[in-house]
């Protein structure tokens, strides 16, 4: 069983900085540089990727904050509605993914991306996302803000109120596994948007399973899981179609 360790933090001039915030910022930074650096491999220009990624990250983060209060903690928002104005107070991953994807669709149209460029950009984002996600989820594991059901498993954490699963830790391990899988897959050229489709296709069932370990279960998380699975199936079918089209062009 894993011992419970308080979240690392540092206080500077009366302001306390926690490991969670640092790791979320690091995850965004790593995602930004990986998107730009990997752009040529996905047949995209770095300048275009840099511009579109800025909007994806900015609107995705703001969306994660707004949907946290609208979907996860409406009671807290009703008591103190001004918390919605503080972007550092509460984030929800589902909101970040949804709003980031909507921002990509909107700004890709505005910047006149072709359909092929759009699918390649989604594929690039799908490839990079597990790397950033792993870093961010390490922050969740250190903050212990996703406590699960009581358990005596070897992976359970000795919380002060008793041993239970730490869902942030479990998701960190899952995301790290995706990173290893994607690094192996990138040795070959694949039709877009395979990486993005594969991420959502695998993440959807995992999220549904993870919700069963949460106490109490979360309706938004179930919606997140099913939506991810459906989107993953659609994108994988699209990648298969692009693969067939490419084969037809070479015959």
Protein backbone atom coordinates (compact mmCIF):
# COMPACT_ATOMS: atom_id res chain seq x y z
CA UNK A 1 0.00 0.00 0.00
CA UNK A 2 1.23 3.49 -0.89
CA UNK A 3 1.84 5.96 1.97
CA UNK A 4 -0.03 9.25 2.00
CA UNK A 5 2.26 12.21 1.38
CA UNK A 6 1.00 15.80 1.78
CA UNK A 7 1.12 17.89 -1.37
CA UNK A 8 4.47 19.68 -1.76
CA UNK A 9 4.22 23.46 -1.55
CA UNK A 10 6.29 26.55 -1.03
CA UNK A 11 5.34 29.89 0.53
CA UNK A 12 6.86 33.08 -0.84
CA UNK A 13 5.98 36.42 0.78
CA UNK A 14 2.76 35.06 2.21
CA UNK A 15 1.61 33.38 -1.03
CA UNK A 16 1.56 29.58 -1.11
CA UNK A 17 2.35 27.78 -4.37
CA UNK A 18 1.32 24.12 -4.63
CA UNK A 19 2.80 21.37 -6.76
CA UNK A 20 -0.52 20.92 -8.57
CA UNK A 21 -0.50 24.42 -10.06
CA UNK A 22 3.15 24.13 -11.07
CA UNK A 23 2.59 20.80 -12.82
CA UNK A 24 -0.52 22.03 -14.67
CA UNK A 25 1.49 25.00 -15.95
CA UNK A 26 4.33 22.65 -16.91
CA UNK A 27 1.90 20.37 -18.74
CA UNK A 28 0.60 23.30 -20.82
CA UNK A 29 4.16 24.42 -21.59
CA UNK A 30 5.28 20.94 -22.61
CA UNK A 31 2.20 20.51 -24.79
CA UNK A 32 2.87 23.83 -26.53
CA UNK A 33 6.48 23.03 -27.39
CA UNK A 34 5.73 19.44 -28.43
CA UNK A 35 2.96 20.61 -30.78
CA UNK A 36 5.27 23.09 -32.48
CA UNK A 37 8.28 20.73 -32.56
CA UNK A 38 6.33 17.75 -33.97
CA UNK A 39 4.39 19.79 -36.54
CA UNK A 40 6.53 18.89 -39.62
CA UNK A 41 6.15 15.18 -38.92
CA UNK A 42 2.38 15.66 -39.19
CA UNK A 43 2.70 17.62 -42.46
CA UNK A 44 1.99 20.98 -40.86
CA UNK A 45 3.87 24.27 -40.72
CA UNK A 46 5.11 25.32 -37.33
CA UNK A 47 3.78 28.86 -37.71
CA UNK A 48 0.22 27.63 -38.32
CA UNK A 49 0.43 25.14 -35.47
CA UNK A 50 1.77 27.78 -33.08
CA UNK A 51 -1.14 30.11 -33.82
CA UNK A 52 -3.88 27.48 -33.59
CA UNK A 53 -2.41 25.85 -30.48
CA UNK A 54 -2.48 29.15 -28.64
CA UNK A 55 -6.24 29.34 -29.08
CA UNK A 56 -6.73 25.67 -28.24
CA UNK A 57 -4.84 25.98 -24.95
CA UNK A 58 -6.29 29.36 -23.96
CA UNK A 59 -9.93 28.54 -24.65
CA UNK A 60 -9.52 24.99 -23.41
CA UNK A 61 -8.25 26.19 -20.05
CA UNK A 62 -10.96 28.82 -19.65
CA UNK A 63 -13.58 26.24 -20.63
CA UNK A 64 -12.24 23.81 -18.05
CA UNK A 65 -12.72 26.49 -15.39
CA UNK A 66 -16.23 27.56 -16.43
CA UNK A 67 -17.58 24.02 -16.85
CA UNK A 68 -16.12 23.02 -13.50
CA UNK A 69 -18.51 25.40 -11.77
CA UNK A 70 -21.43 24.70 -14.10
CA UNK A 71 -21.19 20.90 -14.07
CA UNK A 72 -19.23 19.84 -11.00
CA UNK A 73 -19.88 22.38 -8.24
CA UNK A 74 -23.06 24.32 -9.02
CA UNK A 75 -23.83 24.58 -5.30
CA UNK A 76 -20.52 26.28 -4.64
CA UNK A 77 -21.11 28.64 -7.56
CA UNK A 78 -24.55 29.58 -6.20
CA UNK A 79 -23.03 30.45 -2.83
CA UNK A 80 -20.10 32.45 -4.22
CA UNK A 81 -20.71 33.27 -7.92
CA UNK A 82 -17.69 35.58 -8.08
CA UNK A 83 -15.45 32.50 -8.03
CA UNK A 84 -16.28 32.11 -11.72
CA UNK A 85 -14.15 35.22 -12.36
CA UNK A 86 -11.02 33.57 -10.93
CA UNK A 87 -9.54 31.26 -13.63
CA UNK A 88 -7.23 29.67 -11.05
CA UNK A 89 -10.11 28.47 -8.87
CA UNK A 90 -11.27 25.07 -10.15
CA UNK A 91 -10.73 23.25 -13.45
CA UNK A 92 -12.48 20.26 -15.05
CA UNK A 93 -10.72 18.19 -17.68
CA UNK A 94 -13.92 17.44 -19.64
CA UNK A 95 -14.57 21.15 -20.10
CA UNK A 96 -11.00 21.72 -21.23
CA UNK A 97 -11.17 19.03 -23.90
CA UNK A 98 -14.56 20.12 -25.21
CA UNK A 99 -13.77 23.84 -25.37
CA UNK A 100 -10.28 23.18 -26.76
CA UNK A 101 -11.79 21.06 -29.55
CA UNK A 102 -14.44 23.69 -30.32
CA UNK A 103 -11.72 26.35 -30.46
CA UNK A 104 -9.73 24.25 -32.92
CA UNK A 105 -12.78 23.84 -35.17
CA UNK A 106 -13.59 27.55 -35.11
CA UNK A 107 -10.08 28.91 -35.59
CA UNK A 108 -9.10 26.29 -38.17
CA UNK A 109 -12.01 27.60 -40.23
CA UNK A 110 -11.01 31.20 -39.57
CA UNK A 111 -7.39 30.57 -40.60
CA UNK A 112 -8.57 28.70 -43.69
CA UNK A 113 -7.14 25.30 -42.86
CA UNK A 114 -7.88 22.71 -45.49
CA UNK A 115 -9.76 19.59 -44.45
CA UNK A 116 -6.53 17.57 -44.63
CA UNK A 117 -4.69 20.13 -42.47
CA UNK A 118 -7.48 20.01 -39.92
CA UNK A 119 -7.32 16.21 -39.58
CA UNK A 120 -3.52 16.30 -39.36
CA UNK A 121 -3.74 18.94 -36.64
CA UNK A 122 -6.18 16.80 -34.63
CA UNK A 123 -3.81 13.88 -35.07
CA UNK A 124 -0.90 15.96 -33.80
CA UNK A 125 -2.95 17.09 -30.78
CA UNK A 126 -3.99 13.50 -30.09
CA UNK A 127 -0.37 12.36 -30.16
CA UNK A 128 0.91 15.11 -27.85
CA UNK A 129 -1.98 15.14 -25.37
CA UNK A 130 -1.01 12.03 -23.33
CA UNK A 131 2.40 13.54 -22.61
CA UNK A 132 0.86 16.70 -21.13
CA UNK A 133 -1.93 14.74 -19.49
CA UNK A 134 0.54 12.53 -17.63
CA UNK A 135 2.29 15.57 -16.15
CA UNK A 136 -1.01 17.19 -15.12
CA UNK A 137 -2.28 13.97 -13.54
CA UNK A 138 0.90 13.68 -11.47
CA UNK A 139 -0.24 16.98 -9.99
CA UNK A 140 -3.65 15.46 -9.22
CA UNK A 141 -1.97 12.47 -7.57
CA UNK A 142 0.18 14.75 -5.40
CA UNK A 143 -2.84 16.88 -4.46
CA UNK A 144 -4.96 13.77 -3.69
CA UNK A 145 -8.02 15.62 -5.04
CA UNK A 146 -9.61 12.57 -6.70
CA UNK A 147 -10.12 10.14 -3.84
CA UNK A 148 -11.87 6.89 -4.81
CA UNK A 149 -13.59 4.08 -2.98
CA UNK A 150 -12.05 2.47 0.14
CA UNK A 151 -9.61 -0.30 -0.79
CA UNK A 152 -6.83 -2.46 0.61
CA UNK A 153 -5.24 -3.02 -2.81
CA UNK A 154 -1.49 -2.60 -3.27
CA UNK A 155 -2.18 0.55 -5.28
CA UNK A 156 -4.39 2.09 -2.58
CA UNK A 157 -3.16 5.15 -0.69
CA UNK A 158 -3.25 5.44 3.10
CA UNK A 159 -5.44 8.55 3.32
CA UNK A 160 -5.83 10.05 6.82
CA UNK A 161 -9.45 8.82 6.91
CA UNK A 162 -8.47 5.31 5.79
CA UNK A 163 -6.96 3.51 2.78
CA UNK A 164 -8.68 4.20 -0.52
CA UNK A 165 -7.87 4.41 -4.23
CA UNK A 166 -6.34 7.60 -5.59
CA UNK A 167 -7.93 8.11 -9.01
CA UNK A 168 -5.35 10.73 -9.98
CA UNK A 169 -2.60 8.17 -9.48
CA UNK A 170 -4.47 5.51 -11.48
CA UNK A 171 -5.02 7.94 -14.36
CA UNK A 172 -1.36 8.94 -14.27
CA UNK A 173 -0.41 5.30 -14.83
CA UNK A 174 -2.94 4.94 -17.65
CA UNK A 175 -1.69 8.11 -19.38
CA UNK A 176 1.93 6.99 -19.07
CA UNK A 177 0.93 3.72 -20.75
CA UNK A 178 -0.58 5.70 -23.63
CA UNK A 179 2.65 7.66 -23.96
CA UNK A 180 4.63 4.43 -24.32
CA UNK A 181 2.11 3.07 -26.83
CA UNK A 182 2.16 6.23 -28.95
CA UNK A 183 5.97 6.34 -28.99
CA UNK A 184 5.99 2.83 -30.42
CA UNK A 185 3.30 3.65 -33.00
CA UNK A 186 5.04 6.79 -34.24
CA UNK A 187 7.76 4.68 -35.85
CA UNK A 188 5.38 4.22 -38.78
CA UNK A 189 3.33 6.66 -40.83
CA UNK A 190 -0.38 6.41 -40.07
CA UNK A 191 -3.39 8.06 -41.71
CA UNK A 192 -4.84 11.01 -39.81
CA UNK A 193 -6.47 11.29 -37.34
CA UNK A 194 -5.47 7.87 -35.97
CA UNK A 195 -3.69 9.12 -32.83
CA UNK A 196 -6.57 11.40 -31.84
CA UNK A 197 -9.11 8.65 -32.49
CA UNK A 198 -7.08 6.06 -30.60
CA UNK A 199 -6.75 8.34 -27.60
CA UNK A 200 -10.51 8.94 -27.28
CA UNK A 201 -11.34 5.31 -28.11
CA UNK A 202 -9.15 4.06 -25.25
CA UNK A 203 -9.83 6.88 -22.84
CA UNK A 204 -13.62 6.59 -23.03
CA UNK A 205 -13.93 3.06 -21.58
CA UNK A 206 -11.18 3.85 -19.08
CA UNK A 207 -13.09 6.90 -17.84
CA UNK A 208 -16.29 4.86 -17.52
CA UNK A 209 -14.41 2.26 -15.47
CA UNK A 210 -12.76 4.95 -13.37
CA UNK A 211 -16.15 6.43 -12.53
CA UNK A 212 -17.09 3.15 -10.83
CA UNK A 213 -14.16 3.67 -8.47
CA UNK A 214 -15.24 7.20 -7.60
CA UNK A 215 -17.27 7.92 -4.49
CA UNK A 216 -19.87 9.08 -5.19
CA UNK A 217 -20.10 8.35 -8.97
CA UNK A 218 -20.24 11.39 -11.23
CA UNK A 219 -22.84 11.90 -13.98
CA UNK A 220 -20.58 14.35 -15.93
CA UNK A 221 -17.82 11.74 -15.90
CA UNK A 222 -20.13 9.13 -17.40
CA UNK A 223 -21.09 11.62 -20.10
CA UNK A 224 -17.39 12.29 -20.65
CA UNK A 225 -16.66 8.58 -21.00
CA UNK A 226 -19.42 7.81 -23.48
CA UNK A 227 -18.73 10.96 -25.52
CA UNK A 228 -15.03 10.05 -25.75
CA UNK A 229 -15.83 6.53 -26.89
CA UNK A 230 -18.24 7.69 -29.60
CA UNK A 231 -15.82 10.37 -30.82
CA UNK A 232 -12.96 7.86 -30.83
CA UNK A 233 -14.95 5.41 -32.97
CA UNK A 234 -15.78 8.17 -35.45
CA UNK A 235 -12.18 9.35 -35.76
CA UNK A 236 -10.83 5.82 -36.14
CA UNK A 237 -13.36 5.13 -38.89
CA UNK A 238 -12.23 8.32 -40.56
CA UNK A 239 -8.57 7.28 -40.30
CA UNK A 240 -9.46 3.90 -41.83
CA UNK A 241 -11.22 5.67 -44.69
CA UNK A 242 -8.19 7.89 -45.28
CA UNK A 243 -6.02 4.77 -45.30
CA UNK A 244 -8.23 3.20 -47.96
CA UNK A 245 -8.20 6.41 -50.00
CA UNK A 246 -4.41 6.56 -49.84
CA UNK A 247 -4.12 2.98 -51.00
CA UNK A 248 -6.44 3.74 -53.88
CA UNK A 249 -4.28 6.68 -54.94
CA UNK A 250 -1.21 4.44 -55.17
CA UNK A 251 -2.81 1.74 -57.34
